[in-house]
Protein backbone atom coordinates (compact mmCIF):
# COMPACT_ATOMS: atom_id res chain seq x y z
CA MET A 1 -0.03 0.00 0.14
CA ALA A 2 1.39 3.43 -0.86
CA PRO A 3 1.63 6.09 1.63
CA ARG A 4 -1.08 8.43 2.05
CA LEU A 5 -1.09 11.64 0.05
CA PHE A 6 -1.87 14.75 2.53
CA ASP A 7 -3.02 17.99 1.00
CA LEU A 8 -1.72 20.35 3.71
CA SER A 9 -2.62 23.53 1.85
CA SER A 10 -3.24 26.99 3.76
CA THR A 11 -3.71 30.43 3.05
CA TRP A 12 -1.95 33.19 5.10
CA HIS A 13 -3.03 36.83 5.31
CA LEU A 14 0.08 39.26 5.87
CA PRO A 15 0.02 42.86 6.74
CA ALA A 16 2.43 43.97 3.81
CA THR A 17 2.59 44.09 0.09
CA PRO A 18 3.48 41.07 -2.04
CA GLN A 19 6.77 42.65 -2.66
CA GLU A 20 7.59 42.97 1.05
CA VAL A 21 6.35 39.37 1.91
CA TRP A 22 8.58 38.22 -1.30
CA ALA A 23 11.61 39.98 0.30
CA VAL A 24 11.33 37.75 3.34
CA ILE A 25 10.00 34.33 2.20
CA ALA A 26 12.29 34.18 -0.82
CA ASP A 27 15.46 35.48 0.87
CA VAL A 28 18.40 33.57 -0.92
CA ASP A 29 19.84 32.97 2.66
CA MET A 30 16.61 31.20 3.67
CA SER A 31 15.74 33.27 6.66
CA TRP A 32 12.57 31.13 7.76
CA PRO A 33 14.24 29.90 11.09
CA LYS A 34 14.49 33.61 12.06
CA TRP A 35 10.78 34.18 12.11
CA TRP A 36 9.09 30.59 12.14
CA PRO A 37 9.02 29.35 15.56
CA HIS A 38 10.22 25.63 15.86
CA CYS A 39 11.94 25.84 12.58
CA THR A 40 15.68 25.46 12.55
CA PHE A 41 18.22 24.62 9.82
CA ALA A 42 19.03 20.75 9.75
CA GLY A 43 22.32 21.71 7.95
CA SER A 44 23.98 24.31 5.90
CA LEU A 45 22.20 25.50 2.59
CA VAL A 46 23.06 23.19 -0.36
CA ARG A 47 23.65 25.37 -3.40
CA ALA A 48 24.74 24.23 -6.83
CA GLU A 49 26.30 26.69 -9.51
CA SER A 50 23.56 29.13 -10.20
CA ARG A 51 23.34 30.20 -13.71
CA SER A 52 23.49 33.73 -12.85
CA ASP A 53 23.33 36.26 -9.79
CA VAL A 54 19.68 36.72 -10.33
CA GLN A 55 17.65 35.78 -7.41
CA GLU A 56 15.48 33.32 -9.29
CA ASP A 57 18.61 31.45 -10.54
CA ILE A 58 20.10 31.24 -6.99
CA LEU A 59 17.00 30.10 -5.58
CA THR A 60 16.39 27.24 -7.96
CA ALA A 61 20.09 26.34 -7.33
CA THR A 62 19.52 26.04 -3.72
CA THR A 63 18.01 23.36 -1.12
CA ALA A 64 17.22 24.02 2.23
CA ASN A 65 17.19 21.24 4.84
CA LEU A 66 14.95 22.30 7.54
CA ASN A 67 13.59 20.74 10.90
CA PHE A 68 10.11 21.42 11.88
CA LYS A 69 9.19 20.38 15.59
CA ALA A 70 5.70 19.60 15.91
CA ILE A 71 3.44 20.29 19.02
CA LEU A 72 3.34 16.60 19.63
CA GLY A 73 7.13 16.16 20.13
CA TYR A 74 8.27 14.82 17.04
CA THR A 75 10.51 16.58 14.63
CA LEU A 76 10.32 16.30 10.71
CA THR A 77 13.30 17.11 8.59
CA ILE A 78 12.20 18.43 5.05
CA SER A 79 14.11 19.53 2.15
CA ILE A 80 12.83 22.60 0.12
CA HIS A 81 14.26 22.69 -3.17
CA PRO A 82 12.56 25.53 -5.58
CA THR A 83 11.96 24.54 -9.16
CA LYS A 84 10.28 27.61 -10.63
CA VAL A 85 10.46 31.01 -9.22
CA ILE A 86 8.44 33.88 -10.75
CA THR A 87 9.31 37.08 -8.64
CA PRO A 88 7.56 38.42 -6.61
CA SER A 89 4.36 36.09 -6.87
CA GLU A 90 5.17 32.53 -6.95
CA ILE A 91 7.71 29.74 -6.08
CA GLU A 92 7.20 25.94 -6.93
CA PHE A 93 9.23 23.44 -5.10
CA ASP A 94 9.95 19.96 -4.51
CA ALA A 95 10.22 18.56 -0.99
CA GLY A 96 12.07 15.57 0.31
CA GLY A 97 13.01 14.03 3.62
CA HIS A 98 10.46 12.96 6.02
CA LEU A 99 7.69 14.30 3.67
CA GLU A 100 8.26 13.98 -0.10
CA GLY A 101 5.99 16.02 -2.78
CA THR A 102 5.61 19.17 -4.12
CA GLY A 103 4.43 22.69 -3.08
CA LYS A 104 3.63 25.96 -4.44
CA VAL A 105 3.40 29.35 -2.76
CA THR A 106 1.48 32.23 -4.37
CA LEU A 107 1.16 35.90 -3.31
CA SER A 108 -1.54 37.99 -4.28
CA PRO A 109 -2.24 41.80 -3.28
CA GLU A 110 -5.38 42.03 -1.33
CA PRO A 111 -7.59 45.37 -1.74
CA ASN A 112 -6.14 46.92 1.51
CA GLY A 113 -2.52 46.70 0.76
CA SER A 114 -1.95 43.43 2.47
CA THR A 115 -1.19 40.14 0.79
CA GLN A 116 -2.88 36.81 0.71
CA MET A 117 -0.19 33.87 0.32
CA ASP A 118 -1.74 30.61 -0.58
CA ILE A 119 0.56 27.60 0.15
CA GLU A 120 -0.32 24.41 -1.54
CA TRP A 121 1.45 21.44 -0.05
CA LEU A 122 0.93 17.83 -1.33
CA VAL A 123 3.16 15.23 0.52
CA ARG A 124 3.47 11.77 1.50
CA PRO A 125 5.12 10.70 4.77
CA THR A 126 8.40 8.67 4.38
CA GLN A 127 8.83 7.80 7.90
CA ARG A 128 7.37 4.23 8.71
CA TRP A 129 6.04 5.24 11.91
CA MET A 130 3.81 7.88 10.43
CA ASN A 131 2.56 5.69 7.51
CA VAL A 132 1.51 2.92 10.19
CA LEU A 133 -0.48 5.44 12.27
CA THR A 134 -1.68 7.41 9.16
CA PRO A 135 -5.02 5.47 9.19
CA ILE A 136 -6.07 6.42 12.75
CA ALA A 137 -3.80 9.45 13.18
CA ALA A 138 -4.15 11.51 10.02
CA PRO A 139 -6.79 13.95 11.66
CA VAL A 140 -4.00 14.54 14.37
CA PHE A 141 -1.11 14.86 11.94
CA THR A 142 -3.35 17.39 9.94
CA ALA A 143 -4.22 19.43 13.06
CA ALA A 144 -0.35 19.48 14.13
CA HIS A 145 0.50 20.85 10.77
CA ALA A 146 -2.31 23.35 10.89
CA LEU A 147 -0.99 24.64 14.16
CA MET A 148 2.73 24.83 12.82
CA MET A 149 1.52 26.85 9.93
CA ARG A 150 -0.33 29.18 12.27
CA GLN A 151 2.68 29.79 14.07
CA GLY A 152 4.55 30.37 10.83
CA GLU A 153 2.10 32.93 9.76
CA LYS A 154 2.39 34.61 13.10
CA GLY A 155 6.07 34.52 12.92
CA LEU A 156 5.90 36.06 9.38
CA THR A 157 3.40 38.64 10.27
CA LYS A 158 5.65 39.77 13.28
CA ALA A 159 8.79 39.96 11.07
CA LEU A 160 6.94 42.09 8.54
CA GLU A 161 5.64 44.52 11.37
CA ASP A 162 9.15 44.71 12.70
CA GLU A 163 10.48 45.37 9.18
CA THR A 164 7.85 48.18 8.71
CA ARG A 165 8.75 49.67 12.15
CA ALA A 166 12.60 49.68 11.19
CA SER A 167 12.10 51.27 7.98
CA THR A 168 9.92 54.16 9.32
CA LYS A 169 12.60 55.18 11.96
């Protein structure tokens, strides 16, 4: 039996323009652990030779290995490798490690000057214990993921607000 495919998509509403959000989420040095609670680097960024010094080329030459500690106490190590980058609105990526699959982040302006960030995340667990427990624990895994995503949204919101405060001083 193949591992279950999880659709862990979510939507964030952020108090900044798409360009301001992009500057943080598409940082070539992968600043996510600075603002996302319970997210840490699992190792150094892996960067192949980039075709140019353009942000899109640097991102598609980069793989980030990140640890995400769930509220339930387990940690998932996930590699994120951008495969398509359209500045400042879209990143598609492959995921590997404890969750394998694909993802896509799309930024859209909202009428009030803020940004809607849609995150499509389709993955299968690779750890045996998760696959064994999935038939009964899928709702718990999904809830833990939703909480982790809410923490990420709150962390990014705070980082964007701090950036706005710093730039107005």
